N, C-alpha and C. Protein backbone atom coordinates (compact mmCIF):
# COMPACT_ATOMS: atom_id res chain seq x y z
N MET A 1 0.82 -1.20 0.00
CA MET A 1 0.00 0.00 0.00
C MET A 1 0.86 1.26 0.00
N VAL A 2 1.97 1.25 0.69
CA VAL A 2 2.85 2.41 0.76
C VAL A 2 3.46 2.68 -0.61
N LYS A 3 3.78 1.61 -1.38
CA LYS A 3 4.34 1.80 -2.72
C LYS A 3 3.35 2.51 -3.63
N LYS A 4 2.08 2.18 -3.54
CA LYS A 4 1.05 2.81 -4.36
C LYS A 4 0.91 4.29 -3.99
N GLN A 5 0.99 4.60 -2.71
CA GLN A 5 0.90 6.00 -2.28
C GLN A 5 2.10 6.80 -2.77
N LYS A 6 3.30 6.19 -2.72
CA LYS A 6 4.49 6.88 -3.21
C LYS A 6 4.40 7.11 -4.72
N ARG A 7 3.92 6.09 -5.44
CA ARG A 7 3.78 6.22 -6.88
C ARG A 7 2.74 7.29 -7.22
N LEU A 8 1.63 7.31 -6.48
CA LEU A 8 0.59 8.32 -6.70
C LEU A 8 1.13 9.72 -6.40
N LEU A 9 1.88 9.84 -5.33
CA LEU A 9 2.48 11.12 -4.97
C LEU A 9 3.47 11.57 -6.04
N LEU A 10 4.27 10.65 -6.57
CA LEU A 10 5.22 10.97 -7.63
C LEU A 10 4.48 11.46 -8.88
N TRP A 11 3.40 10.78 -9.25
CA TRP A 11 2.62 11.20 -10.41
C TRP A 11 2.01 12.58 -10.19
N CYS A 12 1.53 12.85 -9.00
CA CYS A 12 0.97 14.18 -8.70
C CYS A 12 2.03 15.26 -8.82
N VAL A 13 3.24 15.00 -8.34
CA VAL A 13 4.33 15.97 -8.44
C VAL A 13 4.69 16.21 -9.90
N ILE A 14 4.75 15.15 -10.69
CA ILE A 14 5.08 15.28 -12.12
C ILE A 14 4.01 16.10 -12.83
N ILE A 15 2.76 15.82 -12.58
CA ILE A 15 1.66 16.54 -13.22
C ILE A 15 1.66 18.01 -12.80
N LEU A 16 1.90 18.27 -11.52
CA LEU A 16 1.97 19.66 -11.05
C LEU A 16 3.14 20.39 -11.71
N ALA A 17 4.27 19.72 -11.88
CA ALA A 17 5.42 20.34 -12.53
C ALA A 17 5.10 20.66 -13.99
N LEU A 18 4.42 19.76 -14.68
CA LEU A 18 4.03 20.02 -16.07
C LEU A 18 3.04 21.18 -16.16
N VAL A 19 2.07 21.21 -15.28
CA VAL A 19 1.09 22.30 -15.28
C VAL A 19 1.80 23.63 -14.99
N ALA A 20 2.72 23.64 -14.04
CA ALA A 20 3.46 24.86 -13.72
C ALA A 20 4.31 25.31 -14.91
N GLY A 21 4.92 24.35 -15.61
CA GLY A 21 5.72 24.69 -16.80
C GLY A 21 4.87 25.30 -17.89
N VAL A 22 3.71 24.75 -18.13
CA VAL A 22 2.80 25.30 -19.14
C VAL A 22 2.32 26.68 -18.70
N ALA A 23 2.01 26.85 -17.42
CA ALA A 23 1.54 28.14 -16.92
C ALA A 23 2.61 29.22 -17.08
N ILE A 24 3.86 28.86 -16.96
CA ILE A 24 4.95 29.83 -17.14
C ILE A 24 5.11 30.20 -18.61
N LEU A 25 4.88 29.25 -19.52
CA LEU A 25 5.07 29.51 -20.94
C LEU A 25 3.90 30.25 -21.59
N LEU A 26 2.71 30.18 -21.04
CA LEU A 26 1.54 30.77 -21.69
C LEU A 26 1.51 32.31 -21.72
N PRO A 27 1.84 33.03 -20.65
CA PRO A 27 1.72 34.49 -20.72
C PRO A 27 2.50 35.15 -21.86
N PRO A 28 3.77 34.78 -22.13
CA PRO A 28 4.42 35.42 -23.28
C PRO A 28 3.73 35.12 -24.61
N LEU A 29 3.23 33.90 -24.76
CA LEU A 29 2.51 33.56 -25.99
C LEU A 29 1.23 34.36 -26.10
N TYR A 30 0.54 34.52 -25.00
CA TYR A 30 -0.71 35.28 -24.99
C TYR A 30 -0.45 36.74 -25.34
N THR A 31 0.61 37.32 -24.76
CA THR A 31 0.96 38.71 -25.05
C THR A 31 1.29 38.87 -26.52
N ASP A 32 2.05 37.94 -27.10
CA ASP A 32 2.41 38.02 -28.51
C ASP A 32 1.17 37.94 -29.38
N CYS A 33 0.22 37.10 -29.02
CA CYS A 33 -1.02 36.97 -29.80
C CYS A 33 -1.85 38.25 -29.74
N ARG A 34 -1.82 38.93 -28.60
CA ARG A 34 -2.57 40.18 -28.49
C ARG A 34 -1.91 41.30 -29.26
N CYS A 35 -0.57 41.30 -29.33
CA CYS A 35 0.15 42.40 -30.00
C CYS A 35 0.18 42.23 -31.51
N ARG A 36 0.11 41.01 -31.99
CA ARG A 36 0.24 40.78 -33.44
C ARG A 36 -0.79 41.55 -34.27
N PRO A 37 -2.09 41.54 -33.94
CA PRO A 37 -3.03 42.32 -34.75
C PRO A 37 -2.71 43.82 -34.73
N LYS A 38 -2.25 44.33 -33.60
CA LYS A 38 -1.89 45.74 -33.52
C LYS A 38 -0.66 46.03 -34.39
N ASN A 39 0.30 45.10 -34.42
CA ASN A 39 1.46 45.28 -35.29
C ASN A 39 1.05 45.31 -36.76
N VAL A 40 0.09 44.48 -37.12
CA VAL A 40 -0.39 44.45 -38.50
C VAL A 40 -1.09 45.76 -38.83
N ARG A 41 -1.90 46.28 -37.90
CA ARG A 41 -2.57 47.57 -38.12
C ARG A 41 -1.54 48.69 -38.22
N CYS A 42 -0.48 48.61 -37.42
CA CYS A 42 0.58 49.62 -37.49
C CYS A 42 1.23 49.60 -38.87
N MET A 43 1.56 48.42 -39.37
CA MET A 43 2.16 48.31 -40.70
C MET A 43 1.19 48.80 -41.77
N SER A 44 -0.09 48.56 -41.58
CA SER A 44 -1.10 49.04 -42.52
C SER A 44 -1.13 50.57 -42.52
N ASN A 45 -1.06 51.19 -41.34
CA ASN A 45 -1.01 52.65 -41.27
C ASN A 45 0.21 53.19 -42.01
N LEU A 46 1.36 52.57 -41.77
CA LEU A 46 2.58 53.00 -42.45
C LEU A 46 2.46 52.83 -43.96
N LYS A 47 1.82 51.76 -44.40
CA LYS A 47 1.64 51.52 -45.83
C LYS A 47 0.74 52.61 -46.44
N MET A 48 -0.31 53.01 -45.72
CA MET A 48 -1.18 54.08 -46.23
C MET A 48 -0.41 55.39 -46.35
N ILE A 49 0.40 55.71 -45.33
CA ILE A 49 1.20 56.94 -45.39
C ILE A 49 2.20 56.84 -46.52
N TYR A 50 2.84 55.68 -46.67
CA TYR A 50 3.83 55.52 -47.74
C TYR A 50 3.18 55.65 -49.12
N THR A 51 2.00 55.10 -49.27
CA THR A 51 1.28 55.22 -50.55
C THR A 51 0.96 56.68 -50.84
N ALA A 52 0.55 57.42 -49.82
CA ALA A 52 0.30 58.86 -50.00
C ALA A 52 1.59 59.58 -50.38
N LEU A 53 2.71 59.17 -49.80
CA LEU A 53 4.01 59.76 -50.17
C LEU A 53 4.34 59.48 -51.63
N GLN A 54 4.03 58.27 -52.10
CA GLN A 54 4.28 57.93 -53.50
C GLN A 54 3.44 58.80 -54.44
N VAL A 55 2.16 58.97 -54.11
CA VAL A 55 1.28 59.79 -54.95
C VAL A 55 1.78 61.23 -54.94
N TYR A 56 2.19 61.71 -53.76
CA TYR A 56 2.76 63.06 -53.67
C TYR A 56 3.98 63.17 -54.60
N ALA A 57 4.84 62.16 -54.57
CA ALA A 57 6.05 62.18 -55.41
C ALA A 57 5.67 62.17 -56.89
N TRP A 58 4.67 61.41 -57.27
CA TRP A 58 4.23 61.38 -58.67
C TRP A 58 3.76 62.77 -59.11
N ASP A 59 3.09 63.47 -58.20
CA ASP A 59 2.60 64.81 -58.52
C ASP A 59 3.70 65.88 -58.49
N HIS A 60 4.86 65.56 -57.92
CA HIS A 60 5.94 66.55 -57.76
C HIS A 60 7.23 66.05 -58.42
N ASP A 61 7.11 65.49 -59.61
CA ASP A 61 8.25 65.05 -60.42
C ASP A 61 9.20 64.11 -59.67
N GLY A 62 8.64 63.23 -58.85
CA GLY A 62 9.44 62.22 -58.16
C GLY A 62 10.03 62.66 -56.84
N TRP A 63 9.77 63.89 -56.42
CA TRP A 63 10.32 64.40 -55.16
C TRP A 63 9.35 64.16 -54.01
N LEU A 64 9.88 63.69 -52.89
CA LEU A 64 9.10 63.52 -51.67
C LEU A 64 9.04 64.86 -50.93
N PRO A 65 8.10 65.03 -49.99
CA PRO A 65 8.05 66.27 -49.22
C PRO A 65 9.41 66.56 -48.57
N PRO A 66 9.90 67.80 -48.67
CA PRO A 66 11.27 68.08 -48.25
C PRO A 66 11.50 68.12 -46.74
N GLU A 67 10.50 68.48 -45.94
CA GLU A 67 10.70 68.61 -44.51
C GLU A 67 10.71 67.25 -43.82
N ASP A 68 11.56 67.11 -42.81
CA ASP A 68 11.55 65.91 -41.97
C ASP A 68 10.37 65.98 -41.00
N GLY A 69 9.99 64.82 -40.50
CA GLY A 69 9.00 64.73 -39.44
C GLY A 69 7.61 65.17 -39.85
N VAL A 70 6.93 65.79 -38.88
CA VAL A 70 5.54 66.19 -39.07
C VAL A 70 5.40 67.24 -40.17
N GLY A 71 6.42 68.06 -40.36
CA GLY A 71 6.35 69.07 -41.41
C GLY A 71 6.11 68.45 -42.78
N GLY A 72 6.84 67.39 -43.09
CA GLY A 72 6.65 66.70 -44.37
C GLY A 72 5.34 65.94 -44.43
N LEU A 73 4.99 65.29 -43.32
CA LEU A 73 3.75 64.52 -43.31
C LEU A 73 2.52 65.42 -43.38
N SER A 74 2.61 66.63 -42.81
CA SER A 74 1.46 67.53 -42.85
C SER A 74 1.17 68.00 -44.29
N ARG A 75 2.19 67.96 -45.16
CA ARG A 75 1.94 68.28 -46.57
C ARG A 75 0.97 67.28 -47.20
N LEU A 76 1.01 66.03 -46.72
CA LEU A 76 0.09 65.02 -47.24
C LEU A 76 -1.34 65.35 -46.85
N VAL A 77 -1.53 65.85 -45.64
CA VAL A 77 -2.87 66.22 -45.17
C VAL A 77 -3.33 67.48 -45.89
N GLN A 78 -2.47 68.48 -45.96
CA GLN A 78 -2.82 69.75 -46.59
C GLN A 78 -3.12 69.56 -48.08
N GLY A 79 -2.39 68.66 -48.73
CA GLY A 79 -2.60 68.44 -50.16
C GLY A 79 -3.73 67.49 -50.48
N GLY A 80 -4.39 66.95 -49.45
CA GLY A 80 -5.51 66.05 -49.68
C GLY A 80 -5.11 64.61 -49.99
N TYR A 81 -3.85 64.26 -49.76
CA TYR A 81 -3.40 62.89 -50.01
C TYR A 81 -3.85 61.95 -48.89
N LEU A 82 -4.00 62.50 -47.69
CA LEU A 82 -4.53 61.75 -46.54
C LEU A 82 -5.52 62.67 -45.83
N ASP A 83 -6.68 62.13 -45.48
CA ASP A 83 -7.65 62.96 -44.76
C ASP A 83 -7.98 62.41 -43.38
N ASN A 84 -7.52 61.21 -43.06
CA ASN A 84 -7.82 60.60 -41.78
C ASN A 84 -6.56 60.65 -40.91
N LEU A 85 -6.57 61.49 -39.90
CA LEU A 85 -5.39 61.66 -39.06
C LEU A 85 -5.09 60.44 -38.19
N SER A 86 -6.03 59.52 -38.05
CA SER A 86 -5.78 58.34 -37.21
C SER A 86 -4.68 57.44 -37.79
N VAL A 87 -4.37 57.57 -39.08
CA VAL A 87 -3.30 56.74 -39.65
C VAL A 87 -1.94 57.14 -39.11
N PHE A 88 -1.84 58.29 -38.46
CA PHE A 88 -0.57 58.74 -37.89
C PHE A 88 -0.37 58.22 -36.47
N ASN A 89 -1.29 57.38 -35.99
CA ASN A 89 -1.19 56.79 -34.66
C ASN A 89 -0.92 55.30 -34.75
N CYS A 90 0.12 54.84 -34.07
CA CYS A 90 0.41 53.42 -33.97
C CYS A 90 -0.58 52.80 -32.97
N PRO A 91 -1.31 51.77 -33.36
CA PRO A 91 -2.29 51.16 -32.46
C PRO A 91 -1.68 50.57 -31.20
N VAL A 92 -0.41 50.22 -31.25
CA VAL A 92 0.25 49.62 -30.09
C VAL A 92 0.40 50.65 -28.97
N THR A 93 0.60 51.92 -29.30
CA THR A 93 0.83 52.95 -28.28
C THR A 93 -0.44 53.36 -27.56
N GLY A 94 -1.59 53.20 -28.21
CA GLY A 94 -2.85 53.59 -27.58
C GLY A 94 -3.08 55.10 -27.62
N THR A 95 -2.35 55.80 -28.49
CA THR A 95 -2.53 57.24 -28.63
C THR A 95 -3.94 57.53 -29.14
N VAL A 96 -4.56 58.55 -28.56
CA VAL A 96 -5.92 58.89 -28.98
C VAL A 96 -5.91 59.58 -30.33
N PHE A 97 -7.04 59.57 -30.99
CA PHE A 97 -7.20 60.17 -32.31
C PHE A 97 -6.84 61.65 -32.22
N PRO A 98 -5.88 62.10 -33.03
CA PRO A 98 -5.45 63.50 -32.93
C PRO A 98 -6.40 64.46 -33.64
N GLU A 99 -6.51 65.66 -33.07
CA GLU A 99 -7.29 66.72 -33.72
C GLU A 99 -6.43 67.44 -34.75
N SER A 100 -5.12 67.46 -34.48
CA SER A 100 -4.18 68.07 -35.42
C SER A 100 -2.89 67.25 -35.40
N LEU A 101 -2.11 67.40 -36.43
CA LEU A 101 -0.88 66.63 -36.57
C LEU A 101 0.29 67.42 -35.98
N THR A 102 0.82 66.90 -34.86
CA THR A 102 1.97 67.52 -34.21
C THR A 102 2.99 66.42 -33.90
N ASP A 103 4.17 66.82 -33.44
CA ASP A 103 5.18 65.83 -33.06
C ASP A 103 4.67 64.92 -31.94
N GLU A 104 3.84 65.45 -31.06
CA GLU A 104 3.32 64.66 -29.95
C GLU A 104 2.24 63.67 -30.38
N THR A 105 1.45 64.04 -31.39
CA THR A 105 0.33 63.19 -31.80
C THR A 105 0.69 62.22 -32.92
N CYS A 106 1.85 62.38 -33.53
CA CYS A 106 2.27 61.48 -34.62
C CYS A 106 3.22 60.43 -34.06
N ASP A 107 2.91 59.16 -34.27
CA ASP A 107 3.72 58.06 -33.75
C ASP A 107 4.77 57.56 -34.74
N TYR A 108 4.93 58.26 -35.86
CA TYR A 108 5.87 57.80 -36.88
C TYR A 108 6.90 58.87 -37.22
N ILE A 109 8.02 58.45 -37.74
CA ILE A 109 9.11 59.34 -38.13
C ILE A 109 9.19 59.34 -39.65
N TYR A 110 9.22 60.53 -40.23
CA TYR A 110 9.40 60.68 -41.66
C TYR A 110 10.73 61.37 -41.91
N ARG A 111 11.52 60.80 -42.83
CA ARG A 111 12.80 61.40 -43.21
C ARG A 111 12.63 62.02 -44.58
N GLY A 112 12.47 63.33 -44.59
CA GLY A 112 12.07 64.04 -45.79
C GLY A 112 13.16 64.26 -46.81
N GLY A 113 12.71 64.77 -47.94
CA GLY A 113 13.61 65.11 -49.02
C GLY A 113 13.95 63.91 -49.88
N GLY A 114 14.67 64.18 -50.92
CA GLY A 114 15.10 63.10 -51.79
C GLY A 114 14.04 62.73 -52.81
N ARG A 115 14.47 61.89 -53.71
CA ARG A 115 13.58 61.42 -54.76
C ARG A 115 13.07 60.03 -54.41
N GLN A 116 11.91 59.75 -54.93
CA GLN A 116 11.33 58.43 -54.74
C GLN A 116 12.22 57.40 -55.42
N SER A 117 12.41 56.25 -54.79
CA SER A 117 13.19 55.12 -55.31
C SER A 117 14.67 55.45 -55.50
N GLU A 118 15.17 56.41 -54.74
CA GLU A 118 16.58 56.77 -54.83
C GLU A 118 17.35 55.95 -53.79
N GLY A 119 17.96 54.84 -54.23
CA GLY A 119 18.68 53.98 -53.31
C GLY A 119 17.75 53.26 -52.36
N LYS A 120 18.28 52.87 -51.21
CA LYS A 120 17.47 52.21 -50.19
C LYS A 120 17.72 52.91 -48.87
N SER A 121 17.07 54.04 -48.68
CA SER A 121 17.19 54.76 -47.43
C SER A 121 15.84 54.73 -46.71
N ILE A 122 15.89 54.89 -45.41
CA ILE A 122 14.67 54.87 -44.61
C ILE A 122 13.87 56.13 -44.89
N VAL A 123 12.59 55.95 -45.20
CA VAL A 123 11.70 57.08 -45.44
C VAL A 123 10.72 57.24 -44.28
N LEU A 124 10.21 56.13 -43.76
CA LEU A 124 9.15 56.17 -42.77
C LEU A 124 9.35 55.02 -41.80
N MET A 125 9.19 55.31 -40.50
CA MET A 125 9.36 54.26 -39.49
C MET A 125 8.65 54.64 -38.20
N ASP A 126 8.49 53.63 -37.33
CA ASP A 126 7.94 53.86 -36.00
C ASP A 126 8.88 54.72 -35.17
N LYS A 127 8.29 55.49 -34.25
CA LYS A 127 9.12 56.18 -33.28
C LYS A 127 9.65 55.13 -32.29
N PRO A 128 10.83 55.36 -31.74
CA PRO A 128 11.35 54.42 -30.74
C PRO A 128 10.37 54.31 -29.57
N GLY A 129 10.15 53.10 -29.13
CA GLY A 129 9.25 52.87 -28.00
C GLY A 129 7.82 52.55 -28.38
N ASN A 130 7.49 52.61 -29.67
CA ASN A 130 6.12 52.26 -30.07
C ASN A 130 5.82 50.79 -29.80
N HIS A 131 6.80 49.93 -30.04
CA HIS A 131 6.59 48.49 -29.91
C HIS A 131 7.48 47.93 -28.81
N PRO A 132 7.06 46.82 -28.22
CA PRO A 132 7.87 46.20 -27.18
C PRO A 132 9.21 45.70 -27.72
N GLU A 133 10.16 45.60 -26.83
CA GLU A 133 11.47 45.02 -27.13
C GLU A 133 12.24 45.81 -28.19
N GLY A 134 11.99 47.09 -28.32
CA GLY A 134 12.75 47.93 -29.25
C GLY A 134 12.53 47.62 -30.71
N ARG A 135 11.43 47.03 -31.05
CA ARG A 135 11.15 46.68 -32.45
C ARG A 135 10.45 47.84 -33.15
N CYS A 136 10.51 47.84 -34.48
CA CYS A 136 9.81 48.88 -35.24
C CYS A 136 9.56 48.40 -36.67
N ASN A 137 8.65 49.07 -37.33
CA ASN A 137 8.34 48.82 -38.73
C ASN A 137 8.99 49.92 -39.55
N ILE A 138 9.55 49.56 -40.71
CA ILE A 138 10.30 50.50 -41.53
C ILE A 138 9.85 50.41 -42.98
N PHE A 139 9.71 51.57 -43.64
CA PHE A 139 9.52 51.63 -45.09
C PHE A 139 10.72 52.34 -45.70
N TYR A 140 11.23 51.78 -46.80
CA TYR A 140 12.40 52.33 -47.48
C TYR A 140 11.98 53.08 -48.74
N SER A 141 12.89 53.90 -49.25
CA SER A 141 12.60 54.73 -50.43
C SER A 141 12.37 53.90 -51.69
N ASP A 142 12.88 52.67 -51.72
CA ASP A 142 12.66 51.84 -52.91
C ASP A 142 11.35 51.06 -52.85
N GLY A 143 10.54 51.31 -51.83
CA GLY A 143 9.23 50.67 -51.72
C GLY A 143 9.20 49.41 -50.89
N THR A 144 10.34 48.94 -50.44
CA THR A 144 10.36 47.74 -49.60
C THR A 144 10.09 48.12 -48.15
N SER A 145 9.66 47.13 -47.39
CA SER A 145 9.40 47.36 -45.97
C SER A 145 9.93 46.18 -45.17
N GLU A 146 10.21 46.43 -43.91
CA GLU A 146 10.64 45.37 -43.00
C GLU A 146 9.83 45.48 -41.73
N PHE A 147 9.53 44.35 -41.17
CA PHE A 147 8.65 44.27 -40.02
C PHE A 147 9.45 43.84 -38.80
N ASN A 148 9.37 44.64 -37.76
CA ASN A 148 9.99 44.31 -36.48
C ASN A 148 11.50 44.14 -36.54
N ILE A 149 12.18 45.12 -37.05
CA ILE A 149 13.64 45.16 -37.03
C ILE A 149 14.07 45.71 -35.68
N ARG A 150 15.11 45.14 -35.10
CA ARG A 150 15.59 45.62 -33.80
C ARG A 150 16.72 46.62 -33.97
N ASP A 151 16.84 47.48 -32.99
CA ASP A 151 17.97 48.38 -32.84
C ASP A 151 18.27 49.21 -34.08
N VAL A 152 17.28 49.96 -34.54
CA VAL A 152 17.53 50.91 -35.62
C VAL A 152 17.93 52.21 -34.94
N SER A 153 19.18 52.58 -35.07
CA SER A 153 19.64 53.78 -34.38
C SER A 153 19.67 54.96 -35.34
N ASP A 154 19.10 56.06 -34.88
CA ASP A 154 19.11 57.31 -35.64
C ASP A 154 18.51 57.18 -37.01
N GLY A 155 17.57 56.23 -37.21
CA GLY A 155 16.89 56.12 -38.48
C GLY A 155 17.70 55.53 -39.61
N GLU A 156 18.88 55.03 -39.37
CA GLU A 156 19.70 54.44 -40.45
C GLU A 156 19.75 52.94 -40.29
């Protein structure tokens, strides 16, 4: 009878260890599943802004708006290329819908000037801190994009 109790106790300890292991592994997976749709929406916002930049360039002989940051992006709003200011907010940050486009209300960085498709330089990207673990979404001047690149320093 004592052997059966020891065996039962051993099985209980093993099962508890397995349950504890699964419980430790689930929260990071759950967090990643919750963030993924927001990351996709963020990339979609960047794609809409990038598309507006392309149309702007087509209308201006291949030149992108010359000002860096919000100054260049506000040309898209003023010129009617974008009319919904919510595209300037990364869904991951939880920033509220802006009434006007300012450095504080825009969650993205625009590197102005230059011609469209001139080399492969960063044109549009997340501000540092938008996404967990220092990740960000980037659009390049040649039309390519990268998702969740780590450690982009100074926009290069």
